[in-house]
Amino acid sequence: QVQLVESGGGLVQAGGSLRLSCVVSGRSIQFAPMGWFRQIPGKQREWVADITTGPDVTTYADSMKGRVTISRDNAKNAVYLEMRSLEPEDTGDYYCNKMGPMTSLWSWGQGTQVTVSA
């Protein structure tokens, strides 16, 4: 069974930075394109960024482009999201998962909460 454990969220002031981590257990991510998603209060979960495998090509949602960097460490079976210049509108729960059709995704983890104060 694949388990996703996100961490690194917290409370920051607008303009601040956070580094989110996602550790995957139960399956190697070495050959899996991975992504970060977020769920803002009152809205559906949305894609934020993803990273392919060999080479690591990254893609970002327009809402966060230029403010986030996704990376991966296959040796640690982990994916990261560096977030900077955070805005109150970025407040929400952040999740990682593999990229692909909805039916192929792993069970979602508990996410990590990001709160940005004005």
PDB file of N, CA and C in Angstrom:
ATOM      1  N   GLN A   1       0.854  -1.198   0.000  1.00  0.00           N
ATOM      2  CA  GLN A   1       0.000   0.000   0.000  1.00  0.00           C
ATOM      3  C   GLN A   1       0.885   1.242   0.000  1.00  0.00           C
ATOM      4  N   VAL A   2       0.583   2.155  -0.886  1.00  0.00           N
ATOM      5  CA  VAL A   2       1.374   3.382  -0.991  1.00  0.00           C
ATOM      6  C   VAL A   2       0.879   4.387   0.044  1.00  0.00           C
ATOM      7  N   GLN A   3       1.818   4.986   0.726  1.00  0.00           N
ATOM      8  CA  GLN A   3       1.488   6.015   1.704  1.00  0.00           C
ATOM      9  C   GLN A   3       2.228   7.299   1.366  1.00  0.00           C
ATOM     10  N   LEU A   4       1.506   8.402   1.376  1.00  0.00           N
ATOM     11  CA  LEU A   4       2.068   9.723   1.106  1.00  0.00           C
ATOM     12  C   LEU A   4       2.010  10.530   2.398  1.00  0.00           C
ATOM     13  N   VAL A   5       3.151  11.075   2.791  1.00  0.00           N
ATOM     14  CA  VAL A   5       3.201  11.873   4.012  1.00  0.00           C
ATOM     15  C   VAL A   5       3.792  13.235   3.679  1.00  0.00           C
ATOM     16  N   GLU A   6       2.941  14.239   3.746  1.00  0.00           N
ATOM     17  CA  GLU A   6       3.365  15.607   3.473  1.00  0.00           C
ATOM     18  C   GLU A   6       3.688  16.323   4.785  1.00  0.00           C
ATOM     19  N   SER A   7       4.642  17.238   4.706  1.00  0.00           N
ATOM     20  CA  SER A   7       5.021  18.009   5.885  1.00  0.00           C
ATOM     21  C   SER A   7       5.644  19.327   5.446  1.00  0.00           C
ATOM     22  N   GLY A   8       5.873  20.200   6.413  1.00  0.00           N
ATOM     23  CA  GLY A   8       6.552  21.454   6.127  1.00  0.00           C
ATOM     24  C   GLY A   8       5.656  22.663   6.091  1.00  0.00           C
ATOM     25  N   GLY A   9       4.359  22.462   6.175  1.00  0.00           N
ATOM     26  CA  GLY A   9       3.452  23.591   6.181  1.00  0.00           C
ATOM     27  C   GLY A   9       3.531  24.362   7.481  1.00  0.00           C
ATOM     28  N   GLY A  10       2.809  25.451   7.539  1.00  0.00           N
ATOM     29  CA  GLY A  10       2.801  26.252   8.754  1.00  0.00           C
ATOM     30  C   GLY A  10       2.199  27.608   8.507  1.00  0.00           C
ATOM     31  N   LEU A  11       2.371  28.473   9.482  1.00  0.00           N
ATOM     32  CA  LEU A  11       1.851  29.827   9.418  1.00  0.00           C
ATOM     33  C   LEU A  11       2.994  30.782   9.073  1.00  0.00           C
ATOM     34  N   VAL A  12       2.812  31.533   8.001  1.00  0.00           N
ATOM     35  CA  VAL A  12       3.818  32.507   7.599  1.00  0.00           C
ATOM     36  C   VAL A  12       3.141  33.817   7.235  1.00  0.00           C
ATOM     37  N   GLN A  13       3.893  34.874   7.284  1.00  0.00           N
ATOM     38  CA  GLN A  13       3.369  36.164   6.851  1.00  0.00           C
ATOM     39  C   GLN A  13       3.473  36.280   5.329  1.00  0.00           C
ATOM     40  N   ALA A  14       2.664  37.116   4.766  1.00  0.00           N
ATOM     41  CA  ALA A  14       2.725  37.365   3.328  1.00  0.00           C
ATOM     42  C   ALA A  14       4.156  37.751   2.942  1.00  0.00           C
ATOM     43  N   GLY A  15       4.607  37.169   1.847  1.00  0.00           N
ATOM     44  CA  GLY A  15       5.982  37.403   1.416  1.00  0.00           C
ATOM     45  C   GLY A  15       6.960  36.365   1.930  1.00  0.00           C
ATOM     46  N   GLY A  16       6.495  35.516   2.827  1.00  0.00           N
ATOM     47  CA  GLY A  16       7.354  34.508   3.426  1.00  0.00           C
ATOM     48  C   GLY A  16       7.548  33.297   2.549  1.00  0.00           C
ATOM     49  N   SER A  17       8.312  32.347   3.076  1.00  0.00           N
ATOM     50  CA  SER A  17       8.662  31.146   2.322  1.00  0.00           C
ATOM     51  C   SER A  17       8.425  29.901   3.156  1.00  0.00           C
ATOM     52  N   LEU A  18       8.190  28.796   2.456  1.00  0.00           N
ATOM     53  CA  LEU A  18       8.070  27.496   3.094  1.00  0.00           C
ATOM     54  C   LEU A  18       8.640  26.446   2.154  1.00  0.00           C
ATOM     55  N   ARG A  19       9.101  25.358   2.733  1.00  0.00           N
ATOM     56  CA  ARG A  19       9.548  24.218   1.934  1.00  0.00           C
ATOM     57  C   ARG A  19       8.739  22.999   2.363  1.00  0.00           C
ATOM     58  N   LEU A  20       7.933  22.525   1.435  1.00  0.00           N
ATOM     59  CA  LEU A  20       7.099  21.365   1.708  1.00  0.00           C
ATOM     60  C   LEU A  20       7.820  20.097   1.272  1.00  0.00           C
ATOM     61  N   SER A  21       7.598  19.038   2.022  1.00  0.00           N
ATOM     62  CA  SER A  21       8.187  17.741   1.703  1.00  0.00           C
ATOM     63  C   SER A  21       7.090  16.698   1.578  1.00  0.00           C
ATOM     64  N   CYS A  22       7.342  15.735   0.751  1.00  0.00           N
ATOM     65  CA  CYS A  22       6.417  14.610   0.594  1.00  0.00           C
ATOM     66  C   CYS A  22       7.263  13.349   0.511  1.00  0.00           C
ATOM     67  N   VAL A  23       7.084  12.480   1.469  1.00  0.00           N
ATOM     68  CA  VAL A  23       7.803  11.217   1.480  1.00  0.00           C
ATOM     69  C   VAL A  23       6.829  10.107   1.117  1.00  0.00           C
ATOM     70  N   VAL A  24       7.234   9.300   0.166  1.00  0.00           N
ATOM     71  CA  VAL A  24       6.386   8.217  -0.319  1.00  0.00           C
ATOM     72  C   VAL A  24       6.925   6.880   0.187  1.00  0.00           C
ATOM     73  N   SER A  25       6.062   6.057   0.678  1.00  0.00           N
ATOM     74  CA  SER A  25       6.450   4.707   1.089  1.00  0.00           C
ATOM     75  C   SER A  25       5.551   3.690   0.415  1.00  0.00           C
ATOM     76  N   GLY A  26       6.074   2.502   0.217  1.00  0.00           N
ATOM     77  CA  GLY A  26       5.297   1.437  -0.386  1.00  0.00           C
ATOM     78  C   GLY A  26       5.464   1.307  -1.888  1.00  0.00           C
ATOM     79  N   ARG A  27       6.102   2.287  -2.523  1.00  0.00           N
ATOM     80  CA  ARG A  27       6.325   2.242  -3.963  1.00  0.00           C
ATOM     81  C   ARG A  27       7.434   3.222  -4.302  1.00  0.00           C
ATOM     82  N   SER A  28       8.305   2.822  -5.197  1.00  0.00           N
ATOM     83  CA  SER A  28       9.363   3.731  -5.636  1.00  0.00           C
ATOM     84  C   SER A  28       8.792   4.782  -6.575  1.00  0.00           C
ATOM     85  N   ILE A  29       9.250   6.017  -6.408  1.00  0.00           N
ATOM     86  CA  ILE A  29       8.807   7.089  -7.294  1.00  0.00           C
ATOM     87  C   ILE A  29       9.775   7.290  -8.447  1.00  0.00           C
ATOM     88  N   GLN A  30      10.795   6.427  -8.524  1.00  0.00           N
ATOM     89  CA  GLN A  30      11.866   6.645  -9.489  1.00  0.00           C
ATOM     90  C   GLN A  30      11.347   6.849 -10.906  1.00  0.00           C
ATOM     91  N   PHE A  31      10.316   6.127 -11.298  1.00  0.00           N
ATOM     92  CA  PHE A  31       9.816   6.211 -12.664  1.00  0.00           C
ATOM     93  C   PHE A  31       8.448   6.885 -12.741  1.00  0.00           C
ATOM     94  N   ALA A  32       8.066   7.563 -11.662  1.00  0.00           N
ATOM     95  CA  ALA A  32       6.749   8.191 -11.619  1.00  0.00           C
ATOM     96  C   ALA A  32       6.845   9.701 -11.713  1.00  0.00           C
ATOM     97  N   PRO A  33       6.160  10.315 -12.679  1.00  0.00           N
ATOM     98  CA  PRO A  33       6.038  11.770 -12.645  1.00  0.00           C
ATOM     99  C   PRO A  33       5.223  12.131 -11.409  1.00  0.00           C
ATOM    100  N   MET A  34       5.695  13.127 -10.675  1.00  0.00           N
ATOM    101  CA  MET A  34       5.070  13.486  -9.409  1.00  0.00           C
ATOM    102  C   MET A  34       4.565  14.914  -9.434  1.00  0.00           C
ATOM    103  N   GLY A  35       3.558  15.175  -8.631  1.00  0.00           N
ATOM    104  CA  GLY A  35       2.987  16.511  -8.611  1.00  0.00           C
ATOM    105  C   GLY A  35       2.609  16.975  -7.228  1.00  0.00           C
ATOM    106  N   TRP A  36       2.459  18.278  -7.108  1.00  0.00           N
ATOM    107  CA  TRP A  36       1.894  18.901  -5.916  1.00  0.00           C
ATOM    108  C   TRP A  36       0.546  19.502  -6.278  1.00  0.00           C
ATOM    109  N   PHE A  37      -0.370  19.396  -5.346  1.00  0.00           N
ATOM    110  CA  PHE A  37      -1.726  19.909  -5.512  1.00  0.00           C
ATOM    111  C   PHE A  37      -2.089  20.693  -4.263  1.00  0.00           C
ATOM    112  N   ARG A  38      -3.115  21.509  -4.372  1.00  0.00           N
ATOM    113  CA  ARG A  38      -3.575  22.228  -3.192  1.00  0.00           C
ATOM    114  C   ARG A  38      -5.079  22.348  -3.208  1.00  0.00           C
ATOM    115  N   GLN A  39      -5.621  22.462  -2.026  1.00  0.00           N
ATOM    116  CA  GLN A  39      -7.054  22.686  -1.879  1.00  0.00           C
ATOM    117  C   GLN A  39      -7.248  23.918  -1.021  1.00  0.00           C
ATOM    118  N   ILE A  40      -7.700  24.954  -1.681  1.00  0.00           N
ATOM    119  CA  ILE A  40      -7.984  26.213  -0.995  1.00  0.00           C
ATOM    120  C   ILE A  40      -9.387  26.123  -0.410  1.00  0.00           C
ATOM    121  N   PRO A  41      -9.617  26.660   0.790  1.00  0.00           N
ATOM    122  CA  PRO A  41     -10.941  26.569   1.404  1.00  0.00           C
ATOM    123  C   PRO A  41     -12.057  26.992   0.451  1.00  0.00           C
ATOM    124  N   GLY A  42     -13.053  26.128   0.319  1.00  0.00           N
ATOM    125  CA  GLY A  42     -14.191  26.436  -0.522  1.00  0.00           C
ATOM    126  C   GLY A  42     -14.008  26.099  -1.982  1.00  0.00           C
ATOM    127  N   LYS A  43     -12.827  25.551  -2.332  1.00  0.00           N
ATOM    128  CA  LYS A  43     -12.567  25.227  -3.731  1.00  0.00           C
ATOM    129  C   LYS A  43     -12.132  23.777  -3.877  1.00  0.00           C
ATOM    130  N   GLN A  44     -12.172  23.292  -5.090  1.00  0.00           N
ATOM    131  CA  GLN A  44     -11.736  21.930  -5.349  1.00  0.00           C
ATOM    132  C   GLN A  44     -10.223  21.859  -5.371  1.00  0.00           C
ATOM    133  N   ARG A  45      -9.703  20.673  -5.155  1.00  0.00           N
ATOM    134  CA  ARG A  45      -8.269  20.464  -5.216  1.00  0.00           C
ATOM    135  C   ARG A  45      -7.769  20.805  -6.612  1.00  0.00           C
ATOM    136  N   GLU A  46      -6.646  21.510  -6.671  1.00  0.00           N
ATOM    137  CA  GLU A  46      -6.108  21.924  -7.954  1.00  0.00           C
ATOM    138  C   GLU A  46      -4.629  21.582  -8.046  1.00  0.00           C
ATOM    139  N   TRP A  47      -4.184  21.388  -9.263  1.00  0.00           N
ATOM    140  CA  TRP A  47      -2.785  21.083  -9.540  1.00  0.00           C
ATOM    141  C   TRP A  47      -1.937  22.331  -9.374  1.00  0.00           C
ATOM    142  N   VAL A  48      -0.748  22.187  -8.802  1.00  0.00           N
ATOM    143  CA  VAL A  48       0.165  23.310  -8.583  1.00  0.00           C
ATOM    144  C   VAL A  48       1.422  23.176  -9.439  1.00  0.00           C
ATOM    145  N   ALA A  49       2.004  21.981  -9.429  1.00  0.00           N
ATOM    146  CA  ALA A  49       3.266  21.785 -10.143  1.00  0.00           C
ATOM    147  C   ALA A  49       3.503  20.301 -10.332  1.00  0.00           C
ATOM    148  N   ASP A  50       4.312  19.962 -11.327  1.00  0.00           N
ATOM    149  CA  ASP A  50       4.703  18.569 -11.480  1.00  0.00           C
ATOM    150  C   ASP A  50       6.109  18.468 -12.029  1.00  0.00           C
ATOM    151  N   ILE A  51       6.676  17.284 -11.856  1.00  0.00           N
ATOM    152  CA  ILE A  51       8.049  17.031 -12.289  1.00  0.00           C
ATOM    153  C   ILE A  51       8.110  15.640 -12.893  1.00  0.00           C
ATOM    154  N   THR A  52       8.710  15.551 -14.077  1.00  0.00           N
ATOM    155  CA  THR A  52       8.816  14.263 -14.745  1.00  0.00           C
ATOM    156  C   THR A  52      10.051  13.526 -14.246  1.00  0.00           C
ATOM    157  N   THR A  53      10.349  12.424 -14.907  1.00  0.00           N
ATOM    158  CA  THR A  53      11.537  11.653 -14.544  1.00  0.00           C
ATOM    159  C   THR A  53      12.486  11.617 -15.716  1.00  0.00           C
ATOM    160  N   GLY A  54      13.767  11.602 -15.447  1.00  0.00           N
ATOM    161  CA  GLY A  54      14.862  11.464 -16.390  1.00  0.00           C
ATOM    162  C   GLY A  54      14.647  12.005 -17.790  1.00  0.00           C
ATOM    163  N   PRO A  55      14.804  13.277 -18.108  1.00  0.00           N
ATOM    164  CA  PRO A  55      15.248  14.336 -17.197  1.00  0.00           C
ATOM    165  C   PRO A  55      14.078  14.898 -16.378  1.00  0.00           C
ATOM    166  N   ASP A  56      14.403  15.663 -15.375  1.00  0.00           N
ATOM    167  CA  ASP A  56      13.384  16.232 -14.483  1.00  0.00           C
ATOM    168  C   ASP A  56      12.849  17.526 -15.078  1.00  0.00           C
ATOM    169  N   VAL A  57      11.828  17.389 -15.893  1.00  0.00           N
ATOM    170  CA  VAL A  57      11.182  18.552 -16.488  1.00  0.00           C
ATOM    171  C   VAL A  57      10.057  19.006 -15.563  1.00  0.00           C
ATOM    172  N   THR A  58      10.013  20.296 -15.279  1.00  0.00           N
ATOM    173  CA  THR A  58       9.020  20.821 -14.348  1.00  0.00           C
ATOM    174  C   THR A  58       7.995  21.681 -15.068  1.00  0.00           C
ATOM    175  N   THR A  59       6.788  21.687 -14.550  1.00  0.00           N
ATOM    176  CA  THR A  59       5.700  22.502 -15.078  1.00  0.00           C
ATOM    177  C   THR A  59       4.946  23.088 -13.908  1.00  0.00           C
ATOM    178  N   TYR A  60       4.483  24.339 -14.061  1.00  0.00           N
ATOM    179  CA  TYR A  60       3.841  25.039 -12.963  1.00  0.00           C
ATOM    180  C   TYR A  60       2.515  25.664 -13.384  1.00  0.00           C
ATOM    181  N   ALA A  61       1.601  25.701 -12.443  1.00  0.00           N
ATOM    182  CA  ALA A  61       0.351  26.414 -12.674  1.00  0.00           C
ATOM    183  C   ALA A  61       0.637  27.903 -12.738  1.00  0.00           C
ATOM    184  N   ASP A  62      -0.120  28.611 -13.554  1.00  0.00           N
ATOM    185  CA  ASP A  62       0.098  30.048 -13.708  1.00  0.00           C
ATOM    186  C   ASP A  62      -0.010  30.777 -12.379  1.00  0.00           C
ATOM    187  N   SER A  63      -0.887  30.289 -11.506  1.00  0.00           N
ATOM    188  CA  SER A  63      -1.127  30.981 -10.237  1.00  0.00           C
ATOM    189  C   SER A  63       0.108  30.999  -9.336  1.00  0.00           C
ATOM    190  N   MET A  64       1.031  30.062  -9.570  1.00  0.00           N
ATOM    191  CA  MET A  64       2.198  29.986  -8.698  1.00  0.00           C
ATOM    192  C   MET A  64       3.518  30.057  -9.449  1.00  0.00           C
ATOM    193  N   LYS A  65       3.453  30.192 -10.750  1.00  0.00           N
ATOM    194  CA  LYS A  65       4.666  30.227 -11.554  1.00  0.00           C
ATOM    195  C   LYS A  65       5.570  31.360 -11.108  1.00  0.00           C
ATOM    196  N   GLY A  66       6.853  31.056 -10.957  1.00  0.00           N
ATOM    197  CA  GLY A  66       7.808  32.064 -10.513  1.00  0.00           C
ATOM    198  C   GLY A  66       7.923  32.157  -9.006  1.00  0.00           C
ATOM    199  N   ARG A  67       7.020  31.503  -8.286  1.00  0.00           N
ATOM    200  CA  ARG A  67       7.039  31.567  -6.820  1.00  0.00           C
ATOM    201  C   ARG A  67       7.277  30.203  -6.177  1.00  0.00           C
ATOM    202  N   VAL A  68       7.264  29.153  -6.977  1.00  0.00           N
ATOM    203  CA  VAL A  68       7.482  27.812  -6.444  1.00  0.00           C
ATOM    204  C   VAL A  68       8.476  27.051  -7.305  1.00  0.00           C
ATOM    205  N   THR A  69       9.154  26.108  -6.669  1.00  0.00           N
ATOM    206  CA  THR A  69      10.065  25.218  -7.372  1.00  0.00           C
ATOM    207  C   THR A  69       9.831  23.810  -6.864  1.00  0.00           C
ATOM    208  N   ILE A  70       9.544  22.910  -7.782  1.00  0.00           N
ATOM    209  CA  ILE A  70       9.351  21.513  -7.422  1.00  0.00           C
ATOM    210  C   ILE A  70      10.642  20.759  -7.708  1.00  0.00           C
ATOM    211  N   SER A  71      10.949  19.816  -6.836  1.00  0.00           N
ATOM    212  CA  SER A  71      12.140  18.992  -7.030  1.00  0.00           C
ATOM    213  C   SER A  71      11.870  17.603  -6.472  1.00  0.00           C
ATOM    214  N   ARG A  72      12.779  16.682  -6.788  1.00  0.00           N
ATOM    215  CA  ARG A  72      12.589  15.321  -6.308  1.00  0.00           C
ATOM    216  C   ARG A  72      13.932  14.723  -5.925  1.00  0.00           C
ATOM    217  N   ASP A  73      13.889  13.782  -5.020  1.00  0.00           N
ATOM    218  CA  ASP A  73      15.068  13.024  -4.622  1.00  0.00           C
ATOM    219  C   ASP A  73      14.657  11.561  -4.645  1.00  0.00           C
ATOM    220  N   ASN A  74      14.957  10.889  -5.728  1.00  0.00           N
ATOM    221  CA  ASN A  74      14.513   9.506  -5.868  1.00  0.00           C
ATOM    222  C   ASN A  74      15.155   8.599  -4.821  1.00  0.00           C
ATOM    223  N   ALA A  75      16.364   8.924  -4.412  1.00  0.00           N
ATOM    224  CA  ALA A  75      17.041   8.113  -3.397  1.00  0.00           C
ATOM    225  C   ALA A  75      16.291   8.146  -2.072  1.00  0.00           C
ATOM    226  N   LYS A  76      15.651   9.280  -1.800  1.00  0.00           N
ATOM    227  CA  LYS A  76      14.877   9.416  -0.559  1.00  0.00           C
ATOM    228  C   LYS A  76      13.391   9.165  -0.796  1.00  0.00           C
ATOM    229  N   ASN A  77      13.055   8.864  -2.049  1.00  0.00           N
ATOM    230  CA  ASN A  77      11.643   8.641  -2.402  1.00  0.00           C
ATOM    231  C   ASN A  77      10.793   9.838  -1.961  1.00  0.00           C
ATOM    232  N   ALA A  78      11.275  11.020  -2.284  1.00  0.00           N
ATOM    233  CA  ALA A  78      10.627  12.235  -1.795  1.00  0.00           C
ATOM    234  C   ALA A  78      10.516  13.286  -2.886  1.00  0.00           C
ATOM    235  N   VAL A  79       9.537  14.135  -2.713  1.00  0.00           N
ATOM    236  CA  VAL A  79       9.305  15.266  -3.609  1.00  0.00           C
ATOM    237  C   VAL A  79       9.179  16.511  -2.739  1.00  0.00           C
ATOM    238  N   TYR A  80       9.653  17.641  -3.246  1.00  0.00           N
ATOM    239  CA  TYR A  80       9.663  18.871  -2.468  1.00  0.00           C
ATOM    240  C   TYR A  80       9.002  20.010  -3.238  1.00  0.00           C
ATOM    241  N   LEU A  81       8.528  20.993  -2.495  1.00  0.00           N
ATOM    242  CA  LEU A  81       7.985  22.194  -3.109  1.00  0.00           C
ATOM    243  C   LEU A  81       8.497  23.395  -2.328  1.00  0.00           C
ATOM    244  N   GLU A  82       9.384  24.134  -2.949  1.00  0.00           N
ATOM    245  CA  GLU A  82       9.871  25.382  -2.364  1.00  0.00           C
ATOM    246  C   GLU A  82       8.881  26.479  -2.733  1.00  0.00           C
ATOM    247  N   MET A  83       8.377  27.174  -1.734  1.00  0.00           N
ATOM    248  CA  MET A  83       7.397  28.217  -1.961  1.00  0.00           C
ATOM    249  C   MET A  83       7.943  29.533  -1.426  1.00  0.00           C
ATOM    250  N   ARG A  84       7.800  30.582  -2.171  1.00  0.00           N
ATOM    251  CA  ARG A  84       8.298  31.903  -1.768  1.00  0.00           C
ATOM    252  C   ARG A  84       7.305  32.967  -2.191  1.00  0.00           C
ATOM    253  N   SER A  85       7.519  34.174  -1.671  1.00  0.00           N
ATOM    254  CA  SER A  85       6.599  35.288  -1.956  1.00  0.00           C
ATOM    255  C   SER A  85       5.149  34.840  -1.764  1.00  0.00           C
ATOM    256  N   LEU A  86       4.910  34.147  -0.668  1.00  0.00           N
ATOM    257  CA  LEU A  86       3.577  33.614  -0.418  1.00  0.00           C
ATOM    258  C   LEU A  86       2.564  34.725  -0.201  1.00  0.00           C
ATOM    259  N   GLU A  87       1.343  34.443  -0.643  1.00  0.00           N
ATOM    260  CA  GLU A  87       0.246  35.400  -0.547  1.00  0.00           C
ATOM    261  C   GLU A  87      -0.880  34.775   0.276  1.00  0.00           C
ATOM    262  N   PRO A  88      -1.718  35.594   0.896  1.00  0.00           N
ATOM    263  CA  PRO A  88      -2.849  35.026   1.657  1.00  0.00           C
ATOM    264  C   PRO A  88      -3.703  34.079   0.817  1.00  0.00           C
ATOM    265  N   GLU A  89      -3.760  34.335  -0.482  1.00  0.00           N
ATOM    266  CA  GLU A  89      -4.555  33.481  -1.373  1.00  0.00           C
ATOM    267  C   GLU A  89      -3.953  32.083  -1.540  1.00  0.00           C
ATOM    268  N   ASP A  90      -2.732  31.892  -1.063  1.00  0.00           N
ATOM    269  CA  ASP A  90      -2.098  30.571  -1.128  1.00  0.00           C
ATOM    270  C   ASP A  90      -2.481  29.697   0.059  1.00  0.00           C
ATOM    271  N   THR A  91      -3.221  30.243   0.975  1.00  0.00           N
ATOM    272  CA  THR A  91      -3.639  29.483   2.149  1.00  0.00           C
ATOM    273  C   THR A  91      -4.468  28.273   1.735  1.00  0.00           C
ATOM    274  N   GLY A  92      -4.114  27.121   2.282  1.00  0.00           N
ATOM    275  CA  GLY A  92      -4.838  25.897   1.961  1.00  0.00           C
ATOM    276  C   GLY A  92      -4.061  24.677   2.386  1.00  0.00           C
ATOM    277  N   ASP A  93      -4.563  23.526   2.004  1.00  0.00           N
ATOM    278  CA  ASP A  93      -3.904  22.258   2.286  1.00  0.00           C
ATOM    279  C   ASP A  93      -3.189  21.797   1.020  1.00  0.00           C
ATOM    280  N   TYR A  94      -1.947  21.369   1.195  1.00  0.00           N
ATOM    281  CA  TYR A  94      -1.116  20.991   0.060  1.00  0.00           C
ATOM    282  C   TYR A  94      -0.837  19.487   0.105  1.00  0.00           C
ATOM    283  N   TYR A  95      -0.948  18.877  -1.056  1.00  0.00           N
ATOM    284  CA  TYR A  95      -0.813  17.424  -1.177  1.00  0.00           C
ATOM    285  C   TYR A  95       0.135  17.069  -2.323  1.00  0.00           C
ATOM    286  N   CYS A  96       0.715  15.910  -2.240  1.00  0.00           N
ATOM    287  CA  CYS A  96       1.480  15.391  -3.377  1.00  0.00           C
ATOM    288  C   CYS A  96       0.820  14.109  -3.852  1.00  0.00           C
ATOM    289  N   ASN A  97       1.099  13.738  -5.075  1.00  0.00           N
ATOM    290  CA  ASN A  97       0.641  12.482  -5.631  1.00  0.00           C
ATOM    291  C   ASN A  97       1.373  12.275  -6.939  1.00  0.00           C
ATOM    292  N   LYS A  98       1.250  11.122  -7.505  1.00  0.00           N
ATOM    293  CA  LYS A  98       1.817  10.914  -8.817  1.00  0.00           C
ATOM    294  C   LYS A  98       0.902  11.572  -9.835  1.00  0.00           C
ATOM    295  N   MET A  99       1.419  11.874 -10.979  1.00  0.00           N
ATOM    296  CA  MET A  99       0.635  12.457 -12.055  1.00  0.00           C
ATOM    297  C   MET A  99       0.024  11.351 -12.898  1.00  0.00           C
ATOM    298  N   GLY A 100      -1.179  11.608 -13.396  1.00  0.00           N
ATOM    299  CA  GLY A 100      -1.834  10.626 -14.236  1.00  0.00           C
ATOM    300  C   GLY A 100      -3.340  10.742 -14.128  1.00  0.00           C
ATOM    301  N   PRO A 101      -4.057   9.831 -14.779  1.00  0.00           N
ATOM    302  CA  PRO A 101      -5.521   9.840 -14.687  1.00  0.00           C
ATOM    303  C   PRO A 101      -5.974   9.706 -13.238  1.00  0.00           C
ATOM    304  N   MET A 102      -7.125  10.302 -12.941  1.00  0.00           N
ATOM    305  CA  MET A 102      -7.619  10.284 -11.563  1.00  0.00           C
ATOM    306  C   MET A 102      -7.700   8.869 -11.005  1.00  0.00           C
ATOM    307  N   THR A 103      -8.082   7.925 -11.855  1.00  0.00           N
ATOM    308  CA  THR A 103      -8.256   6.547 -11.378  1.00  0.00           C
ATOM    309  C   THR A 103      -6.938   5.862 -11.059  1.00  0.00           C
ATOM    310  N   SER A 104      -5.821   6.439 -11.491  1.00  0.00           N
ATOM    311  CA  SER A 104      -4.528   5.808 -11.254  1.00  0.00           C
ATOM    312  C   SER A 104      -3.773   6.419 -10.074  1.00  0.00           C
ATOM    313  N   LEU A 105      -4.315   7.481  -9.495  1.00  0.00           N
ATOM    314  CA  LEU A 105      -3.616   8.146  -8.405  1.00  0.00           C
ATOM    315  C   LEU A 105      -3.566   7.269  -7.170  1.00  0.00           C
ATOM    316  N   TRP A 106      -2.552   7.476  -6.389  1.00  0.00           N
ATOM    317  CA  TRP A 106      -2.457   6.808  -5.098  1.00  0.00           C
ATOM    318  C   TRP A 106      -3.426   7.452  -4.114  1.00  0.00           C
ATOM    319  N   SER A 107      -3.697   6.763  -3.056  1.00  0.00           N
ATOM    320  CA  SER A 107      -4.572   7.346  -2.025  1.00  0.00           C
ATOM    321  C   SER A 107      -3.933   8.607  -1.471  1.00  0.00           C
ATOM    322  N   TRP A 108      -4.697   9.633  -1.331  1.00  0.00           N
ATOM    323  CA  TRP A 108      -4.174  10.911  -0.862  1.00  0.00           C
ATOM    324  C   TRP A 108      -3.703  10.823   0.587  1.00  0.00           C
ATOM    325  N   GLY A 109      -2.641  11.554   0.868  1.00  0.00           N
ATOM    326  CA  GLY A 109      -2.171  11.670   2.236  1.00  0.00           C
ATOM    327  C   GLY A 109      -3.006  12.675   3.002  1.00  0.00           C
ATOM    328  N   GLN A 110      -2.551  13.008   4.174  1.00  0.00           N
ATOM    329  CA  GLN A 110      -3.304  13.946   5.014  1.00  0.00           C
ATOM    330  C   GLN A 110      -3.050  15.399   4.604  1.00  0.00           C
ATOM    331  N   GLY A 111      -2.042  15.605   3.778  1.00  0.00           N
ATOM    332  CA  GLY A 111      -1.723  16.964   3.351  1.00  0.00           C
ATOM    333  C   GLY A 111      -0.985  17.738   4.429  1.00  0.00           C
ATOM    334  N   THR A 112      -0.523  18.903   4.052  1.00  0.00           N
ATOM    335  CA  THR A 112       0.122  19.795   5.010  1.00  0.00           C
ATOM    336  C   THR A 112      -0.505  21.179   4.843  1.00  0.00           C
ATOM    337  N   GLN A 113      -0.856  21.783   5.952  1.00  0.00           N
ATOM    338  CA  GLN A 113      -1.602  23.037   5.918  1.00  0.00           C
ATOM    339  C   GLN A 113      -0.660  24.228   5.827  1.00  0.00           C
ATOM    340  N   VAL A 114      -0.982  25.097   4.903  1.00  0.00           N
ATOM    341  CA  VAL A 114      -0.233  26.346   4.723  1.00  0.00           C
ATOM    342  C   VAL A 114      -1.186  27.501   5.008  1.00  0.00           C
ATOM    343  N   THR A 115      -0.787  28.363   5.916  1.00  0.00           N
ATOM    344  CA  THR A 115      -1.590  29.531   6.241  1.00  0.00           C
ATOM    345  C   THR A 115      -0.724  30.766   6.077  1.00  0.00           C
ATOM    346  N   VAL A 116      -1.181  31.671   5.224  1.00  0.00           N
ATOM    347  CA  VAL A 116      -0.423  32.900   4.959  1.00  0.00           C
ATOM    348  C   VAL A 116      -1.230  34.074   5.479  1.00  0.00           C
ATOM    349  N   SER A 117      -0.666  34.793   6.421  1.00  0.00           N
ATOM    350  CA  SER A 117      -1.366  35.938   6.997  1.00  0.00           C
ATOM    351  C   SER A 117      -0.987  37.208   6.248  1.00  0.00           C
ATOM    352  N   ALA A 118      -1.943  38.117   6.217  1.00  0.00           N
ATOM    353  CA  ALA A 118      -1.707  39.375   5.496  1.00  0.00           C
ATOM    354  C   ALA A 118      -0.775  40.298   6.272  1.00  0.00           C
TER     355      ALA A 118
END
